[in-house]
Amino acid sequence: MSVKQQPPNLGALFAVFARIGILSFGGPAAQIALMHRELVETRDWLTERQFLSALSFTMLLPGPEAMQLATYAGWRLRGTLGGLIGGGLFVLPGAMVIMGLAALYALAQAVPWVDALFLGIKATVIVIVIQALFKLTKRALKGRVATWVAGMAFTALFIFDLPFPLVIAGAALIGYLGWITPIAAAQAVPPAPPANGFAHLAIWGGLWIAPLGLLYLTAPNGILLEIGLFFSKLALVTFGGAYAVLAYMVQEVVGDFGWLTTGQMMDVLGLAETTPGPLILVTQFVGFLAGFYAHGWGAAVLAALLTLWVTFIPCFLWIFLLAPQVERLTALPKLQAALDGVMAAVVGVIANLSLWFALNVWFGTVTRQGGVWLPDLGSVIPQAVILSVLAAALVWGGKLGMIPVLAIVAGLGVAISPFFG
């Protein structure tokens, strides 16, 4: 399959990425599959090799790989304006939904039927994440060594609690040494266009730090600056997409800052899973609630907008700096092998987060003992387990889509709640 000689016009590009942004439910794996269908299968705008190379490369960057993949695809087709269209439309629909959901959540907390509704959503999300994990596994695990790498990544995180960058570096080294069957063979690519790296660094770096500088001058001790700095750090130190971010974010938000409780974080994550756009929009939800609990509605809106800014402006910076070199770099056999190792490790990363999420939905108490997250079996939440089983039956047995299953199981959560006190 070859790329069209003429790039799509801006109207077609806008329409396709608007469709992707509105329909991009289900987390990174489902969103990447949607982009693959729209850009590679339905339209020959990108080749399979170009898509996989960009996907592998974005997994090495800090931040949400699906959003960065959309930005790269737009850039590849129509330059910087295309990148803004691709990345912007991938984020904005979900951001608007998250803003509304955060406001409703702030208003409706401690209402019993709302808690039951959230339980149904979270129980369904477990199934959605597992389904997405299976799809990613089929694409990323080619050969026995790749499967071992995924297993080792899971063990390193779940049992030994090793730093995520160390796990990714180890997987990249295994791939680099040639121990993993390549997902696709390297091929020659045309010369890269000029990168204009200094201009992109100045523009996007300046946009990134501008609100932080303003807050430092006007409210250096306020919560808005604290929120902006934390999520800026998150944008720099987290690799492998939203699922890799979650454990670190929960630890900081709940344990260090005390902005939210563990239960509230689980509610936020469950709701974020039900919205279109990147799962990393969970940061916007957290920012909104942190501002709300500190200073009310005005601070909530400002905190949410600030969180969006410092989370996604860096994504444009990374892509516009590096996009011209993506295909050239990923065409190098050794580097491609290293990136294939990273893809295998990300399967283990997502499996780790999926299990952590399930434990915290199904049990009221989960603690780390001997390096392993273990539930208190006496704290099992039977209605959560029942709802997850029903969701699995509807997804895999009934072949229903995600939205109908979410609606059905959330409603059942409300219906059965009186029977469980």
Protein backbone atom coordinates (compact mmCIF):
# COMPACT_ATOMS: atom_id res chain seq x y z
CA MET A 1 0.00 0.00 0.00
CA SER A 2 1.40 3.42 -0.87
CA VAL A 3 0.70 6.88 0.36
CA LYS A 4 -1.34 9.08 -1.95
CA GLN A 5 0.69 11.45 -4.05
CA GLN A 6 -1.55 14.35 -3.16
CA PRO A 7 -2.10 15.00 0.58
CA PRO A 8 -5.70 15.34 1.76
CA ASN A 9 -7.14 18.83 1.76
CA LEU A 10 -7.65 20.58 5.07
CA GLY A 11 -11.40 20.00 5.01
CA ALA A 12 -10.99 16.24 4.65
CA LEU A 13 -8.24 16.22 7.27
CA PHE A 14 -10.42 18.16 9.71
CA ALA A 15 -13.42 15.88 9.12
CA VAL A 16 -11.45 12.65 9.64
CA PHE A 17 -9.66 13.82 12.77
CA ALA A 18 -12.89 15.25 14.18
CA ARG A 19 -14.42 11.79 13.70
CA ILE A 20 -11.43 10.18 15.40
CA GLY A 21 -11.64 12.64 18.31
CA ILE A 22 -15.35 12.07 18.86
CA LEU A 23 -15.19 8.26 18.57
CA SER A 24 -11.89 7.69 20.39
CA PHE A 25 -13.26 5.80 23.38
CA GLY A 26 -11.68 2.89 25.21
CA GLY A 27 -8.14 3.97 26.08
CA PRO A 28 -4.92 4.03 24.03
CA ALA A 29 -5.17 0.57 22.46
CA ALA A 30 -8.69 1.16 21.15
CA GLN A 31 -7.79 4.69 20.00
CA ILE A 32 -4.71 3.50 18.14
CA ALA A 33 -6.81 0.82 16.47
CA LEU A 34 -9.33 3.48 15.42
CA MET A 35 -6.60 5.65 13.92
CA HIS A 36 -5.14 2.66 12.12
CA ARG A 37 -8.52 1.87 10.58
CA GLU A 38 -9.17 5.47 9.51
CA LEU A 39 -5.69 6.41 8.26
CA VAL A 40 -4.23 3.14 6.99
CA GLU A 41 -7.08 0.74 6.18
CA THR A 42 -9.95 2.99 5.08
CA ARG A 43 -7.72 5.66 3.51
CA ASP A 44 -4.20 5.10 2.23
CA TRP A 45 -2.95 8.28 3.90
CA LEU A 46 -0.23 6.40 5.80
CA THR A 47 1.45 3.09 5.08
CA GLU A 48 1.51 0.28 7.62
CA ARG A 49 5.22 0.84 8.12
CA GLN A 50 4.85 4.58 8.65
CA PHE A 51 2.08 4.01 11.19
CA LEU A 52 3.98 1.37 13.17
CA SER A 53 7.19 3.40 13.10
CA ALA A 54 5.43 6.46 14.46
CA LEU A 55 3.61 4.39 17.08
CA SER A 56 6.84 2.81 18.29
CA PHE A 57 8.55 6.17 18.42
CA THR A 58 5.78 7.92 20.36
CA MET A 59 5.99 5.19 22.99
CA LEU A 60 9.49 6.41 23.76
CA LEU A 61 8.31 9.98 24.32
CA PRO A 62 6.88 11.34 27.56
CA GLY A 63 3.15 11.86 27.42
CA PRO A 64 0.15 10.16 25.75
CA GLU A 65 1.25 8.11 22.75
CA ALA A 66 -2.18 8.12 21.06
CA MET A 67 -2.43 11.93 21.08
CA GLN A 68 1.14 12.23 19.85
CA LEU A 69 0.44 9.68 17.15
CA ALA A 70 -2.54 11.76 15.99
CA THR A 71 -0.33 14.87 15.99
CA TYR A 72 2.37 13.11 14.00
CA ALA A 73 -0.15 11.76 11.47
CA GLY A 74 -1.56 15.26 10.93
CA TRP A 75 1.96 16.67 10.57
CA ARG A 76 2.93 13.92 8.14
CA LEU A 77 -0.04 14.80 5.93
CA ARG A 78 -0.22 18.62 6.15
CA GLY A 79 2.75 19.93 8.15
CA THR A 80 2.47 21.94 11.35
CA LEU A 81 -1.14 23.01 10.70
CA GLY A 82 -2.07 19.40 10.09
CA GLY A 83 -0.37 18.42 13.34
CA LEU A 84 -2.37 21.03 15.24
CA ILE A 85 -5.57 19.75 13.66
CA GLY A 86 -4.76 16.10 14.39
CA GLY A 87 -3.62 16.58 17.96
CA GLY A 88 -6.10 19.32 18.83
CA LEU A 89 -9.18 17.47 17.59
CA PHE A 90 -8.05 14.32 19.36
CA VAL A 91 -8.04 16.17 22.68
CA LEU A 92 -10.77 18.84 22.56
CA PRO A 93 -13.96 16.70 22.44
CA GLY A 94 -12.86 14.68 25.46
CA ALA A 95 -11.65 17.80 27.29
CA MET A 96 -15.10 19.39 26.99
CA VAL A 97 -16.78 16.22 28.24
CA ILE A 98 -14.33 15.93 31.14
CA MET A 99 -15.00 19.54 32.19
CA GLY A 100 -18.72 18.82 32.37
CA LEU A 101 -18.28 15.50 34.18
CA ALA A 102 -15.92 17.06 36.72
CA ALA A 103 -18.48 19.76 37.49
CA LEU A 104 -21.24 17.15 37.89
CA TYR A 105 -19.01 15.01 40.08
CA ALA A 106 -18.25 17.97 42.34
CA LEU A 107 -21.99 18.59 42.72
CA ALA A 108 -23.21 15.01 43.10
CA GLN A 109 -20.74 13.39 45.50
CA ALA A 110 -22.03 11.42 48.48
CA VAL A 111 -25.34 10.73 46.70
CA PRO A 112 -25.84 6.95 47.12
CA TRP A 113 -27.24 6.25 43.67
CA VAL A 114 -24.40 8.22 42.08
CA ASP A 115 -21.86 6.09 43.94
CA ALA A 116 -23.65 2.97 42.65
CA LEU A 117 -23.58 4.38 39.13
CA PHE A 118 -19.83 5.00 39.39
CA LEU A 119 -19.31 1.43 40.62
CA GLY A 120 -21.01 0.09 37.51
CA ILE A 121 -18.83 2.27 35.31
CA LYS A 122 -15.62 1.20 37.04
CA ALA A 123 -16.59 -2.48 36.93
CA THR A 124 -17.13 -2.16 33.17
CA VAL A 125 -13.89 -0.30 32.63
CA ILE A 126 -11.96 -3.32 33.95
CA VAL A 127 -13.37 -5.35 31.08
CA ILE A 128 -12.69 -2.59 28.56
CA VAL A 129 -9.05 -2.33 29.62
CA ILE A 130 -8.57 -6.10 29.46
CA GLN A 131 -10.13 -6.17 26.00
CA ALA A 132 -7.78 -3.39 24.85
CA LEU A 133 -4.84 -5.28 26.38
CA PHE A 134 -5.69 -8.38 24.31
CA LYS A 135 -5.77 -6.33 21.13
CA LEU A 136 -2.41 -4.71 21.87
CA THR A 137 -0.93 -8.09 22.74
CA LYS A 138 -1.80 -9.50 19.33
CA ARG A 139 -0.09 -6.60 17.60
CA ALA A 140 2.98 -6.16 19.81
CA LEU A 141 4.03 -9.67 20.85
CA LYS A 142 5.68 -11.36 17.88
CA GLY A 143 7.79 -14.27 19.05
CA ARG A 144 8.68 -15.95 22.33
CA VAL A 145 11.23 -13.37 23.48
CA ALA A 146 8.77 -10.50 23.07
CA THR A 147 6.32 -12.42 25.27
CA TRP A 148 9.04 -12.93 27.89
CA VAL A 149 9.84 -9.22 27.78
CA ALA A 150 6.18 -8.39 28.45
CA GLY A 151 6.15 -10.84 31.36
CA MET A 152 9.37 -9.46 32.81
CA ALA A 153 8.05 -5.90 32.53
CA PHE A 154 4.91 -6.91 34.42
CA THR A 155 6.96 -8.66 37.13
CA ALA A 156 9.39 -5.75 37.46
CA LEU A 157 6.54 -3.32 38.07
CA PHE A 158 4.00 -5.37 39.99
CA ILE A 159 6.37 -7.29 42.28
CA PHE A 160 9.60 -5.30 42.42
CA ASP A 161 8.16 -1.81 41.88
CA LEU A 162 11.07 -0.86 39.60
CA PRO A 163 11.08 2.59 37.98
CA PHE A 164 9.23 2.64 34.69
CA PRO A 165 12.09 4.26 32.69
CA LEU A 166 14.41 1.46 33.84
CA VAL A 167 11.96 -1.18 32.62
CA ILE A 168 11.65 0.52 29.23
CA ALA A 169 15.43 0.91 28.92
CA GLY A 170 15.93 -2.80 29.64
CA ALA A 171 13.34 -3.78 27.02
CA ALA A 172 14.92 -1.47 24.46
CA LEU A 173 18.32 -3.05 25.12
CA ILE A 174 16.93 -6.56 24.62
CA GLY A 175 15.46 -5.47 21.30
CA TYR A 176 18.64 -3.66 20.30
CA LEU A 177 20.68 -6.82 20.87
CA GLY A 178 18.53 -8.55 18.27
CA TRP A 179 16.68 -10.99 20.51
CA ILE A 180 13.18 -9.94 19.41
CA THR A 181 11.57 -10.82 16.08
CA PRO A 182 11.03 -7.50 14.25
CA ILE A 183 7.39 -6.46 13.82
CA ALA A 184 8.20 -5.02 10.40
CA ALA A 185 11.35 -4.95 8.31
CA ALA A 186 13.25 -1.68 8.07
CA GLN A 187 13.15 0.08 4.72
CA ALA A 188 14.68 3.12 3.11
CA VAL A 189 12.98 6.46 3.60
CA PRO A 190 13.28 9.76 1.73
CA PRO A 191 15.41 12.56 3.13
CA ALA A 192 13.78 14.42 6.02
CA PRO A 193 12.66 18.03 5.45
CA PRO A 194 14.24 20.79 7.52
CA ALA A 195 13.19 20.51 11.15
CA ASN A 196 13.24 24.19 12.18
CA GLY A 197 14.05 22.81 15.62
CA PHE A 198 15.10 26.06 17.27
CA ALA A 199 11.92 27.85 16.20
CA HIS A 200 9.71 25.01 17.49
CA LEU A 201 11.65 24.87 20.74
CA ALA A 202 11.32 28.62 21.28
CA ILE A 203 7.61 28.78 20.38
CA TRP A 204 6.31 25.69 22.12
CA GLY A 205 8.71 25.86 25.05
CA GLY A 206 7.72 29.49 25.59
CA LEU A 207 4.01 28.63 25.43
CA TRP A 208 4.57 25.85 27.94
CA ILE A 209 6.27 27.93 30.63
CA ALA A 210 4.38 31.21 30.08
CA PRO A 211 1.45 30.50 32.48
CA LEU A 212 3.84 29.07 35.07
CA GLY A 213 5.96 32.22 34.95
CA LEU A 214 2.86 34.39 35.31
CA LEU A 215 1.68 32.39 38.32
CA TYR A 216 5.13 32.54 39.90
CA LEU A 217 5.03 36.34 39.67
CA THR A 218 1.42 36.78 40.84
CA ALA A 219 0.69 33.84 43.19
CA PRO A 220 3.91 32.01 44.04
CA ASN A 221 2.38 30.17 47.00
CA GLY A 222 -0.97 29.35 45.44
CA ILE A 223 -2.36 25.95 44.53
CA LEU A 224 -2.54 26.85 40.84
CA LEU A 225 1.24 27.08 40.58
CA GLU A 226 1.55 23.85 42.57
CA ILE A 227 -0.82 22.14 40.13
CA GLY A 228 0.95 23.60 37.09
CA LEU A 229 4.39 22.54 38.27
CA PHE A 230 3.28 19.03 39.20
CA PHE A 231 1.61 18.30 35.89
CA SER A 232 4.53 19.87 34.01
CA LYS A 233 6.82 17.44 35.81
CA LEU A 234 4.42 14.64 34.93
CA ALA A 235 4.70 15.63 31.27
CA LEU A 236 8.48 15.28 31.49
CA VAL A 237 9.06 12.13 33.53
CA THR A 238 6.29 9.77 32.46
CA PHE A 239 6.84 7.47 29.49
CA GLY A 240 4.74 4.86 27.78
CA GLY A 241 1.37 6.61 27.74
CA ALA A 242 -1.43 7.19 30.18
CA TYR A 243 -1.46 3.74 31.74
CA ALA A 244 2.17 4.14 32.71
CA VAL A 245 1.35 7.52 34.30
CA LEU A 246 -1.49 6.40 36.53
CA ALA A 247 0.35 4.64 39.35
CA TYR A 248 2.80 7.51 39.76
CA MET A 249 0.04 10.11 39.63
CA VAL A 250 -2.08 8.32 42.23
CA GLN A 251 0.86 8.15 44.60
CA GLU A 252 1.59 11.86 44.28
CA VAL A 253 -1.98 13.18 44.19
CA VAL A 254 -3.25 11.04 47.07
CA GLY A 255 -0.17 10.44 49.18
CA ASP A 256 1.96 13.57 48.79
CA PHE A 257 -0.41 16.41 47.95
CA GLY A 258 -3.62 15.06 49.47
CA TRP A 259 -5.72 16.67 46.75
CA LEU A 260 -7.98 13.60 46.37
CA THR A 261 -8.62 10.34 48.20
CA THR A 262 -7.92 6.92 46.69
CA GLY A 263 -11.65 6.37 46.20
CA GLN A 264 -12.03 9.67 44.39
CA MET A 265 -9.07 8.84 42.16
CA MET A 266 -10.75 5.57 41.21
CA ASP A 267 -13.98 7.42 40.41
CA VAL A 268 -12.06 9.92 38.30
CA LEU A 269 -10.23 7.19 36.41
CA GLY A 270 -13.44 5.29 35.78
CA LEU A 271 -15.17 8.37 34.38
CA ALA A 272 -12.15 9.30 32.26
CA GLU A 273 -12.25 5.83 30.68
CA THR A 274 -15.80 6.51 29.49
CA THR A 275 -14.97 9.70 27.58
CA PRO A 276 -13.45 10.17 24.12
CA GLY A 277 -9.87 11.35 23.75
CA PRO A 278 -6.67 10.38 25.54
CA LEU A 279 -6.94 8.75 28.95
CA ILE A 280 -4.38 11.28 30.18
CA LEU A 281 -7.32 13.72 30.33
CA VAL A 282 -7.70 12.22 33.79
CA THR A 283 -5.15 14.91 34.76
CA GLN A 284 -7.66 17.61 33.82
CA PHE A 285 -10.27 15.95 36.04
CA VAL A 286 -7.79 15.82 38.93
CA GLY A 287 -6.79 19.44 38.41
CA PHE A 288 -10.44 20.54 38.41
CA LEU A 289 -11.23 18.75 41.67
CA ALA A 290 -8.03 19.91 43.36
CA GLY A 291 -8.90 23.52 42.52
CA PHE A 292 -12.52 23.02 43.54
CA TYR A 293 -11.72 21.57 46.95
CA ALA A 294 -9.19 24.32 47.59
CA HIS A 295 -11.00 27.47 46.44
CA GLY A 296 -14.28 26.66 44.71
CA TRP A 297 -15.57 26.90 41.16
CA GLY A 298 -13.35 29.65 39.78
CA ALA A 299 -10.17 27.91 40.88
CA ALA A 300 -11.54 24.61 39.55
CA VAL A 301 -11.99 25.94 36.01
CA LEU A 302 -8.60 27.69 36.01
CA ALA A 303 -6.87 24.60 37.39
CA ALA A 304 -8.48 22.39 34.75
CA LEU A 305 -7.43 24.71 31.91
CA LEU A 306 -3.91 25.04 33.31
CA THR A 307 -3.60 21.27 33.63
CA LEU A 308 -4.71 20.82 30.03
CA TRP A 309 -2.14 23.38 28.89
CA VAL A 310 0.90 21.94 30.66
CA THR A 311 -0.10 18.36 29.76
CA PHE A 312 -0.57 18.79 26.02
CA ILE A 313 1.60 21.72 24.92
CA PRO A 314 4.71 19.55 25.55
CA CYS A 315 3.23 16.89 23.24
CA PHE A 316 3.21 19.35 20.35
CA LEU A 317 6.76 20.36 21.27
CA TRP A 318 8.11 16.79 21.13
CA ILE A 319 6.38 15.93 17.88
CA PHE A 320 7.20 19.10 15.96
CA LEU A 321 10.82 18.84 17.08
CA LEU A 322 11.25 15.18 16.20
CA ALA A 323 8.65 14.41 13.51
CA PRO A 324 10.96 15.04 10.54
CA GLN A 325 13.34 12.38 11.85
CA VAL A 326 10.85 9.70 12.93
CA GLU A 327 10.88 7.58 9.79
CA ARG A 328 14.61 7.99 9.28
CA LEU A 329 15.39 6.93 12.84
CA THR A 330 12.91 4.08 13.02
CA ALA A 331 14.15 2.76 9.66
CA LEU A 332 17.48 1.98 11.34
CA PRO A 333 17.37 -1.79 12.02
CA LYS A 334 18.91 -1.59 15.50
CA LEU A 335 16.67 1.25 16.61
CA GLN A 336 13.60 -0.43 15.17
CA ALA A 337 14.48 -3.57 17.11
CA ALA A 338 14.83 -1.49 20.29
CA LEU A 339 11.43 0.08 19.70
CA ASP A 340 9.89 -3.36 19.16
CA GLY A 341 11.27 -4.26 22.58
CA VAL A 342 9.59 -1.20 24.04
CA MET A 343 6.27 -2.18 22.47
CA ALA A 344 6.54 -5.62 24.09
CA ALA A 345 7.29 -4.09 27.49
CA VAL A 346 4.31 -1.74 27.25
CA VAL A 347 2.05 -4.82 27.14
CA GLY A 348 3.41 -5.76 30.57
CA VAL A 349 3.00 -2.18 31.79
CA ILE A 350 -0.66 -2.10 30.81
CA ALA A 351 -1.24 -5.55 32.33
CA ASN A 352 0.22 -4.26 35.61
CA LEU A 353 -2.05 -1.23 35.66
CA SER A 354 -5.07 -3.34 34.64
CA LEU A 355 -4.55 -5.65 37.61
CA TRP A 356 -3.99 -2.74 39.98
CA PHE A 357 -7.20 -1.12 38.75
CA ALA A 358 -9.20 -4.34 39.11
CA LEU A 359 -7.96 -4.95 42.66
CA ASN A 360 -8.95 -1.46 43.72
CA VAL A 361 -12.43 -1.79 42.22
CA TRP A 362 -13.17 -5.28 43.55
CA PHE A 363 -11.74 -4.79 47.06
CA GLY A 364 -12.15 -2.03 49.59
CA THR A 365 -8.62 -2.45 50.97
CA VAL A 366 -5.49 -3.08 48.88
CA THR A 367 -2.03 -2.75 50.41
CA ARG A 368 1.53 -3.42 49.27
CA GLN A 369 3.00 -6.39 51.18
CA GLY A 370 6.43 -7.76 50.41
CA GLY A 371 6.52 -5.62 47.31
CA VAL A 372 3.23 -7.00 45.92
CA TRP A 373 -0.18 -5.35 45.87
CA LEU A 374 -2.47 -7.68 47.83
CA PRO A 375 -6.17 -7.23 48.61
CA ASP A 376 -7.80 -7.83 51.96
CA LEU A 377 -10.08 -10.71 50.97
CA GLY A 378 -12.52 -9.72 53.68
CA SER A 379 -13.02 -6.35 51.98
CA VAL A 380 -14.32 -7.79 48.72
CA ILE A 381 -17.08 -5.73 47.12
CA PRO A 382 -19.39 -8.46 45.76
CA GLN A 383 -21.53 -6.13 43.65
CA ALA A 384 -18.40 -4.87 41.88
CA VAL A 385 -17.34 -8.44 41.01
CA ILE A 386 -20.87 -9.29 39.83
CA LEU A 387 -21.02 -6.20 37.65
CA SER A 388 -17.63 -6.96 36.08
CA VAL A 389 -18.76 -10.51 35.26
CA LEU A 390 -21.93 -9.14 33.67
CA ALA A 391 -19.91 -6.60 31.69
CA ALA A 392 -17.61 -9.36 30.43
CA ALA A 393 -20.61 -11.44 29.38
CA LEU A 394 -22.07 -8.50 27.46
CA VAL A 395 -18.76 -7.61 25.77
CA TRP A 396 -17.47 -11.08 24.87
CA GLY A 397 -20.69 -13.09 24.88
CA GLY A 398 -23.20 -10.53 23.70
CA LYS A 399 -20.72 -8.71 21.39
CA LEU A 400 -22.14 -5.35 22.48
CA GLY A 401 -20.25 -2.10 22.01
CA MET A 402 -18.61 -0.21 24.83
CA ILE A 403 -21.20 2.55 25.21
CA PRO A 404 -24.23 0.20 25.47
CA VAL A 405 -22.37 -1.98 27.96
CA LEU A 406 -21.39 1.03 30.07
CA ALA A 407 -25.00 2.25 30.13
CA ILE A 408 -26.43 -1.18 30.98
CA VAL A 409 -23.96 -2.04 33.73
CA ALA A 410 -24.07 1.45 35.26
CA GLY A 411 -27.87 1.13 35.44
CA LEU A 412 -27.56 -2.33 36.97
CA GLY A 413 -25.17 -0.89 39.53
CA VAL A 414 -27.93 1.43 40.71
CA ALA A 415 -30.57 -1.32 40.55
CA ILE A 416 -28.72 -3.87 42.69
CA SER A 417 -27.22 -1.43 45.20
CA PRO A 418 -30.14 -1.73 47.69
CA PHE A 419 -29.44 -5.46 48.03
CA PHE A 420 -25.89 -4.86 49.23
CA GLY A 421 -26.48 -2.18 51.83
